[in-house]
């Protein structure tokens, strides 16, 4: 697959480090990495493409002293998989005896050029990240509340930031217990409840963001 993937990112002027690709714009860094399945073996290889958007100013505002020289997908404030862009759900590419190599190459070529390329070309600044949060349900659900608040603040959407900050603060003060149910082979069920704890560090971070940006939190 190297003859398809690597030239694709080189053409888009991404820098490469292992299976991770970075491209800086004026306001952010675009990140794509190829994640291999931990269950790969000689008869079946599966992998996926992770996409991330990294904002250095937000990274340092959150207590990180130094921005990494090469950004990994897990460093990013916004993260999504290519399958969600293409199909609306998680998707792994597979190569095995039942799948022809040529068919897989054609699929990857299509997904990179017809979906990933326009997705990256569209999302190059903070305004586009704000639009992603507002318009893409997957990204809205998987992006942390603090990251969303900070992006809204950066683009001047103060009312949205205020609303989300107050909601996050209220939820943090009143965390919900986690309830799980186990069904055993004999049909019996066991319900377990994990008591939620208030995350005081998270609450202080929210209060700090409010104070620094003159956002009133309704206690």
C-alpha atoms as a PDB file:
ATOM      1  CA  UNK A   1       0.000   0.000   0.000  1.00  0.00           C
ATOM      2  CA  UNK A   2       3.040   2.260   0.328  1.00  0.00           C
ATOM      3  CA  UNK A   3       2.942   3.087  -3.368  1.00  0.00           C
ATOM      4  CA  UNK A   4      -0.521   4.627  -2.851  1.00  0.00           C
ATOM      5  CA  UNK A   5      -0.436   6.103   0.645  1.00  0.00           C
ATOM      6  CA  UNK A   6       2.990   7.752   0.772  1.00  0.00           C
ATOM      7  CA  UNK A   7       2.755   9.543  -2.610  1.00  0.00           C
ATOM      8  CA  UNK A   8      -0.712  10.791  -1.616  1.00  0.00           C
ATOM      9  CA  UNK A   9       0.582  12.567   1.490  1.00  0.00           C
ATOM     10  CA  UNK A  10       3.740  13.756  -0.268  1.00  0.00           C
ATOM     11  CA  UNK A  11       1.627  15.447  -2.921  1.00  0.00           C
ATOM     12  CA  UNK A  12      -0.318  17.240  -0.175  1.00  0.00           C
ATOM     13  CA  UNK A  13       3.005  18.382   1.381  1.00  0.00           C
ATOM     14  CA  UNK A  14       2.698  16.346   4.573  1.00  0.00           C
ATOM     15  CA  UNK A  15       5.828  15.453   6.515  1.00  0.00           C
ATOM     16  CA  UNK A  16       6.277  11.812   7.508  1.00  0.00           C
ATOM     17  CA  UNK A  17       7.506  10.168  10.706  1.00  0.00           C
ATOM     18  CA  UNK A  18       6.918   6.421  10.677  1.00  0.00           C
ATOM     19  CA  UNK A  19       3.223   5.912   9.991  1.00  0.00           C
ATOM     20  CA  UNK A  20       2.302   9.450  11.080  1.00  0.00           C
ATOM     21  CA  UNK A  21       1.877  12.426   8.736  1.00  0.00           C
ATOM     22  CA  UNK A  22       1.821  16.119   9.713  1.00  0.00           C
ATOM     23  CA  UNK A  23       0.974  19.281   7.825  1.00  0.00           C
ATOM     24  CA  UNK A  24       0.994  22.734   9.384  1.00  0.00           C
ATOM     25  CA  UNK A  25      -1.383  25.508   8.388  1.00  0.00           C
ATOM     26  CA  UNK A  26      -1.459  29.030   9.801  1.00  0.00           C
ATOM     27  CA  UNK A  27      -3.683  28.028  12.729  1.00  0.00           C
ATOM     28  CA  UNK A  28      -3.328  24.278  13.258  1.00  0.00           C
ATOM     29  CA  UNK A  29      -1.578  21.051  12.390  1.00  0.00           C
ATOM     30  CA  UNK A  30      -3.351  18.324  10.446  1.00  0.00           C
ATOM     31  CA  UNK A  31      -2.417  14.822  11.543  1.00  0.00           C
ATOM     32  CA  UNK A  32      -3.067  11.445   9.935  1.00  0.00           C
ATOM     33  CA  UNK A  33      -1.704   8.166  11.190  1.00  0.00           C
ATOM     34  CA  UNK A  34      -2.070   4.592  10.020  1.00  0.00           C
ATOM     35  CA  UNK A  35      -3.081   2.363  12.906  1.00  0.00           C
ATOM     36  CA  UNK A  36      -2.488  -1.360  12.538  1.00  0.00           C
ATOM     37  CA  UNK A  37      -4.656  -3.866  14.369  1.00  0.00           C
ATOM     38  CA  UNK A  38      -3.062  -5.545  17.366  1.00  0.00           C
ATOM     39  CA  UNK A  39      -4.585  -8.819  16.116  1.00  0.00           C
ATOM     40  CA  UNK A  40      -2.745  -8.835  12.772  1.00  0.00           C
ATOM     41  CA  UNK A  41      -1.158 -12.088  11.655  1.00  0.00           C
ATOM     42  CA  UNK A  42       0.276 -13.492   8.441  1.00  0.00           C
ATOM     43  CA  UNK A  43      -3.136 -14.502   7.072  1.00  0.00           C
ATOM     44  CA  UNK A  44      -4.985 -11.290   7.868  1.00  0.00           C
ATOM     45  CA  UNK A  45      -3.812  -7.694   8.112  1.00  0.00           C
ATOM     46  CA  UNK A  46      -6.169  -4.879   9.063  1.00  0.00           C
ATOM     47  CA  UNK A  47      -5.541  -1.178   9.538  1.00  0.00           C
ATOM     48  CA  UNK A  48      -7.328   2.151   9.679  1.00  0.00           C
ATOM     49  CA  UNK A  49      -6.595   5.849   9.199  1.00  0.00           C
ATOM     50  CA  UNK A  50      -6.868   8.174  12.195  1.00  0.00           C
ATOM     51  CA  UNK A  51      -7.295  11.905  11.530  1.00  0.00           C
ATOM     52  CA  UNK A  52      -6.573  14.680  14.012  1.00  0.00           C
ATOM     53  CA  UNK A  53      -6.467  18.464  14.234  1.00  0.00           C
ATOM     54  CA  UNK A  54      -3.995  19.989  16.674  1.00  0.00           C
ATOM     55  CA  UNK A  55      -4.098  23.607  17.899  1.00  0.00           C
ATOM     56  CA  UNK A  56      -0.801  24.524  19.589  1.00  0.00           C
ATOM     57  CA  UNK A  57      -2.219  27.509  21.511  1.00  0.00           C
ATOM     58  CA  UNK A  58      -4.893  25.356  23.107  1.00  0.00           C
ATOM     59  CA  UNK A  59      -2.353  22.635  23.876  1.00  0.00           C
ATOM     60  CA  UNK A  60      -0.141  25.031  25.850  1.00  0.00           C
ATOM     61  CA  UNK A  61      -3.104  26.720  27.543  1.00  0.00           C
ATOM     62  CA  UNK A  62      -4.005  23.339  29.005  1.00  0.00           C
ATOM     63  CA  UNK A  63      -0.804  23.161  31.012  1.00  0.00           C
ATOM     64  CA  UNK A  64       1.543  21.566  28.490  1.00  0.00           C
ATOM     65  CA  UNK A  65       4.867  23.391  28.520  1.00  0.00           C
ATOM     66  CA  UNK A  66       6.271  22.343  25.164  1.00  0.00           C
ATOM     67  CA  UNK A  67       4.611  21.529  21.864  1.00  0.00           C
ATOM     68  CA  UNK A  68       5.875  18.187  20.470  1.00  0.00           C
ATOM     69  CA  UNK A  69       8.134  18.503  17.432  1.00  0.00           C
ATOM     70  CA  UNK A  70       5.981  15.954  15.632  1.00  0.00           C
ATOM     71  CA  UNK A  71       2.311  15.743  16.494  1.00  0.00           C
ATOM     72  CA  UNK A  72       0.664  12.392  17.157  1.00  0.00           C
ATOM     73  CA  UNK A  73      -3.031  11.799  16.641  1.00  0.00           C
ATOM     74  CA  UNK A  74      -3.600  11.322  20.369  1.00  0.00           C
ATOM     75  CA  UNK A  75      -2.220  14.855  20.991  1.00  0.00           C
ATOM     76  CA  UNK A  76      -5.035  16.394  18.920  1.00  0.00           C
ATOM     77  CA  UNK A  77      -8.056  18.243  20.236  1.00  0.00           C
ATOM     78  CA  UNK A  78     -10.281  16.871  17.460  1.00  0.00           C
ATOM     79  CA  UNK A  79      -9.993  13.267  16.320  1.00  0.00           C
ATOM     80  CA  UNK A  80     -11.922  11.143  13.847  1.00  0.00           C
ATOM     81  CA  UNK A  81     -11.349   8.085  11.695  1.00  0.00           C
ATOM     82  CA  UNK A  82     -11.448   8.063   7.922  1.00  0.00           C
ATOM     83  CA  UNK A  83     -14.202   5.463   8.013  1.00  0.00           C
ATOM     84  CA  UNK A  84     -16.460   7.970   9.771  1.00  0.00           C
ATOM     85  CA  UNK A  85     -15.800  10.478   7.002  1.00  0.00           C
ATOM     86  CA  UNK A  86     -16.417   7.923   4.252  1.00  0.00           C
ATOM     87  CA  UNK A  87     -19.122   5.679   5.710  1.00  0.00           C
ATOM     88  CA  UNK A  88     -20.333   7.421   8.865  1.00  0.00           C
ATOM     89  CA  UNK A  89     -18.924   4.681  11.110  1.00  0.00           C
ATOM     90  CA  UNK A  90     -15.684   3.042  12.132  1.00  0.00           C
ATOM     91  CA  UNK A  91     -14.082   1.071   9.303  1.00  0.00           C
ATOM     92  CA  UNK A  92     -10.958  -1.075   9.047  1.00  0.00           C
ATOM     93  CA  UNK A  93      -9.267  -2.038   5.790  1.00  0.00           C
ATOM     94  CA  UNK A  94      -8.415  -5.726   5.536  1.00  0.00           C
ATOM     95  CA  UNK A  95      -6.062  -7.768   3.412  1.00  0.00           C
ATOM     96  CA  UNK A  96      -6.456 -11.548   3.448  1.00  0.00           C
ATOM     97  CA  UNK A  97      -7.024 -14.507   1.135  1.00  0.00           C
ATOM     98  CA  UNK A  98     -10.625 -13.421   0.520  1.00  0.00           C
ATOM     99  CA  UNK A  99      -9.729  -9.902  -0.593  1.00  0.00           C
ATOM    100  CA  UNK A 100      -7.741  -9.160  -3.710  1.00  0.00           C
ATOM    101  CA  UNK A 101      -4.855  -6.777  -3.242  1.00  0.00           C
ATOM    102  CA  UNK A 102      -5.901  -4.822  -6.323  1.00  0.00           C
ATOM    103  CA  UNK A 103      -9.415  -4.319  -4.950  1.00  0.00           C
ATOM    104  CA  UNK A 104      -8.045  -3.016  -1.658  1.00  0.00           C
ATOM    105  CA  UNK A 105      -5.697  -0.652  -3.468  1.00  0.00           C
ATOM    106  CA  UNK A 106      -8.561   0.750  -5.516  1.00  0.00           C
ATOM    107  CA  UNK A 107     -10.664   1.229  -2.377  1.00  0.00           C
ATOM    108  CA  UNK A 108      -7.899   3.046  -0.507  1.00  0.00           C
ATOM    109  CA  UNK A 109      -7.072   5.207  -3.523  1.00  0.00           C
ATOM    110  CA  UNK A 110     -10.727   6.208  -3.783  1.00  0.00           C
ATOM    111  CA  UNK A 111     -11.146   6.949  -0.080  1.00  0.00           C
ATOM    112  CA  UNK A 112      -7.962   9.007   0.121  1.00  0.00           C
ATOM    113  CA  UNK A 113      -8.622  11.086  -2.965  1.00  0.00           C
ATOM    114  CA  UNK A 114     -12.400  11.407  -2.884  1.00  0.00           C
ATOM    115  CA  UNK A 115     -12.921  11.777   0.876  1.00  0.00           C
ATOM    116  CA  UNK A 116      -9.763  12.452   2.882  1.00  0.00           C
ATOM    117  CA  UNK A 117      -8.284  15.020   0.494  1.00  0.00           C
ATOM    118  CA  UNK A 118     -11.368  17.300   0.395  1.00  0.00           C
ATOM    119  CA  UNK A 119     -11.853  16.807   4.143  1.00  0.00           C
ATOM    120  CA  UNK A 120      -8.324  18.048   4.828  1.00  0.00           C
ATOM    121  CA  UNK A 121      -8.596  20.865   2.291  1.00  0.00           C
ATOM    122  CA  UNK A 122     -11.808  22.067   3.939  1.00  0.00           C
ATOM    123  CA  UNK A 123     -10.569  21.976   7.533  1.00  0.00           C
ATOM    124  CA  UNK A 124      -7.500  24.197   7.739  1.00  0.00           C
ATOM    125  CA  UNK A 125      -8.363  26.768  10.418  1.00  0.00           C
ATOM    126  CA  UNK A 126     -10.241  27.304  13.677  1.00  0.00           C
ATOM    127  CA  UNK A 127     -13.431  28.441  11.965  1.00  0.00           C
ATOM    128  CA  UNK A 128     -13.624  25.133  10.101  1.00  0.00           C
ATOM    129  CA  UNK A 129     -13.042  23.223  13.349  1.00  0.00           C
ATOM    130  CA  UNK A 130     -15.901  25.143  14.937  1.00  0.00           C
ATOM    131  CA  UNK A 131     -18.118  24.158  12.020  1.00  0.00           C
ATOM    132  CA  UNK A 132     -17.077  20.524  12.398  1.00  0.00           C
ATOM    133  CA  UNK A 133     -18.109  20.538  16.050  1.00  0.00           C
ATOM    134  CA  UNK A 134     -21.468  22.102  15.241  1.00  0.00           C
ATOM    135  CA  UNK A 135     -22.286  20.067  12.143  1.00  0.00           C
ATOM    136  CA  UNK A 136     -20.686  16.645  12.610  1.00  0.00           C
ATOM    137  CA  UNK A 137     -22.346  14.491  15.275  1.00  0.00           C
ATOM    138  CA  UNK A 138     -19.398  12.073  15.527  1.00  0.00           C
ATOM    139  CA  UNK A 139     -16.941  14.876  16.184  1.00  0.00           C
ATOM    140  CA  UNK A 140     -19.264  16.648  18.605  1.00  0.00           C
ATOM    141  CA  UNK A 141     -19.626  13.448  20.643  1.00  0.00           C
ATOM    142  CA  UNK A 142     -15.931  12.533  20.667  1.00  0.00           C
ATOM    143  CA  UNK A 143     -14.417  15.977  21.285  1.00  0.00           C
ATOM    144  CA  UNK A 144     -13.806  16.949  24.894  1.00  0.00           C
ATOM    145  CA  UNK A 145     -15.912  19.735  26.350  1.00  0.00           C
ATOM    146  CA  UNK A 146     -12.890  21.861  27.221  1.00  0.00           C
ATOM    147  CA  UNK A 147     -11.527  21.630  23.676  1.00  0.00           C
ATOM    148  CA  UNK A 148     -14.897  22.669  22.263  1.00  0.00           C
ATOM    149  CA  UNK A 149     -15.148  25.591  24.674  1.00  0.00           C
ATOM    150  CA  UNK A 150     -11.644  26.780  23.826  1.00  0.00           C
ATOM    151  CA  UNK A 151     -12.256  26.570  20.078  1.00  0.00           C
ATOM    152  CA  UNK A 152     -15.484  28.557  20.442  1.00  0.00           C
ATOM    153  CA  UNK A 153     -13.600  31.204  22.422  1.00  0.00           C
ATOM    154  CA  UNK A 154     -10.815  31.398  19.820  1.00  0.00           C
ATOM    155  CA  UNK A 155     -13.282  32.150  17.029  1.00  0.00           C
ATOM    156  CA  UNK A 156     -15.318  34.637  19.066  1.00  0.00           C
ATOM    157  CA  UNK A 157     -18.381  32.436  19.646  1.00  0.00           C
ATOM    158  CA  UNK A 158     -18.650  33.603  23.249  1.00  0.00           C
ATOM    159  CA  UNK A 159     -22.321  32.755  23.776  1.00  0.00           C
ATOM    160  CA  UNK A 160     -21.763  29.183  22.627  1.00  0.00           C
ATOM    161  CA  UNK A 161     -18.684  28.986  24.841  1.00  0.00           C
ATOM    162  CA  UNK A 162     -20.628  30.358  27.816  1.00  0.00           C
ATOM    163  CA  UNK A 163     -23.508  27.919  27.333  1.00  0.00           C
ATOM    164  CA  UNK A 164     -21.197  24.923  26.990  1.00  0.00           C
ATOM    165  CA  UNK A 165     -18.984  26.013  29.885  1.00  0.00           C
ATOM    166  CA  UNK A 166     -21.946  26.316  32.245  1.00  0.00           C
ATOM    167  CA  UNK A 167     -23.333  22.967  31.109  1.00  0.00           C
ATOM    168  CA  UNK A 168     -19.963  21.264  31.591  1.00  0.00           C
ATOM    169  CA  UNK A 169     -19.595  22.859  35.022  1.00  0.00           C
ATOM    170  CA  UNK A 170     -23.066  21.737  36.113  1.00  0.00           C
ATOM    171  CA  UNK A 171     -22.428  18.181  34.882  1.00  0.00           C
ATOM    172  CA  UNK A 172     -19.074  18.099  36.659  1.00  0.00           C
ATOM    173  CA  UNK A 173     -20.708  19.068  39.952  1.00  0.00           C
ATOM    174  CA  UNK A 174     -23.378  16.414  39.489  1.00  0.00           C
ATOM    175  CA  UNK A 175     -21.687  13.393  37.885  1.00  0.00           C
ATOM    176  CA  UNK A 176     -23.859  10.394  37.089  1.00  0.00           C
ATOM    177  CA  UNK A 177     -23.153   6.965  38.553  1.00  0.00           C
ATOM    178  CA  UNK A 178     -22.060   4.277  36.086  1.00  0.00           C
ATOM    179  CA  UNK A 179     -24.418   1.303  35.934  1.00  0.00           C
ATOM    180  CA  UNK A 180     -23.417  -1.958  34.236  1.00  0.00           C
ATOM    181  CA  UNK A 181     -25.363  -5.191  33.738  1.00  0.00           C
ATOM    182  CA  UNK A 182     -23.867  -8.662  33.395  1.00  0.00           C
ATOM    183  CA  UNK A 183     -25.953 -11.525  32.019  1.00  0.00           C
ATOM    184  CA  UNK A 184     -24.634 -14.971  32.959  1.00  0.00           C
ATOM    185  CA  UNK A 185     -25.052 -18.180  30.894  1.00  0.00           C
ATOM    186  CA  UNK A 186     -27.823 -19.410  33.229  1.00  0.00           C
ATOM    187  CA  UNK A 187     -29.830 -16.275  32.490  1.00  0.00           C
ATOM    188  CA  UNK A 188     -29.285 -14.558  35.803  1.00  0.00           C
ATOM    189  CA  UNK A 189     -28.384 -10.902  35.776  1.00  0.00           C
ATOM    190  CA  UNK A 190     -26.115  -8.824  37.968  1.00  0.00           C
ATOM    191  CA  UNK A 191     -26.299  -5.057  38.060  1.00  0.00           C
ATOM    192  CA  UNK A 192     -23.344  -3.144  39.428  1.00  0.00           C
ATOM    193  CA  UNK A 193     -23.170   0.542  40.183  1.00  0.00           C
ATOM    194  CA  UNK A 194     -19.950   2.520  40.345  1.00  0.00           C
ATOM    195  CA  UNK A 195     -20.374   5.629  42.435  1.00  0.00           C
ATOM    196  CA  UNK A 196     -19.359   8.742  40.533  1.00  0.00           C
ATOM    197  CA  UNK A 197     -16.813  11.088  42.048  1.00  0.00           C
ATOM    198  CA  UNK A 198     -16.509  14.806  41.526  1.00  0.00           C
ATOM    199  CA  UNK A 199     -13.399  15.649  39.511  1.00  0.00           C
ATOM    200  CA  UNK A 200     -12.154  18.735  41.315  1.00  0.00           C
ATOM    201  CA  UNK A 201      -9.217  19.228  38.934  1.00  0.00           C
ATOM    202  CA  UNK A 202     -11.584  19.339  35.963  1.00  0.00           C
ATOM    203  CA  UNK A 203     -13.844  21.808  37.778  1.00  0.00           C
ATOM    204  CA  UNK A 204     -10.893  24.091  38.517  1.00  0.00           C
ATOM    205  CA  UNK A 205      -9.895  24.015  34.830  1.00  0.00           C
ATOM    206  CA  UNK A 206     -13.394  25.101  33.856  1.00  0.00           C
ATOM    207  CA  UNK A 207     -13.349  27.908  36.418  1.00  0.00           C
ATOM    208  CA  UNK A 208      -9.948  29.042  35.156  1.00  0.00           C
ATOM    209  CA  UNK A 209     -11.208  29.207  31.553  1.00  0.00           C
ATOM    210  CA  UNK A 210     -14.217  31.216  32.702  1.00  0.00           C
ATOM    211  CA  UNK A 211     -12.107  33.663  34.691  1.00  0.00           C
ATOM    212  CA  UNK A 212      -9.541  34.195  31.936  1.00  0.00           C
ATOM    213  CA  UNK A 213     -12.246  34.891  29.356  1.00  0.00           C
ATOM    214  CA  UNK A 214     -14.707  36.887  31.492  1.00  0.00           C
ATOM    215  CA  UNK A 215     -17.345  34.175  31.276  1.00  0.00           C
ATOM    216  CA  UNK A 216     -19.700  34.068  34.236  1.00  0.00           C
ATOM    217  CA  UNK A 217     -20.358  30.600  35.592  1.00  0.00           C
ATOM    218  CA  UNK A 218     -23.711  30.129  37.262  1.00  0.00           C
ATOM    219  CA  UNK A 219     -22.859  28.279  40.458  1.00  0.00           C
END
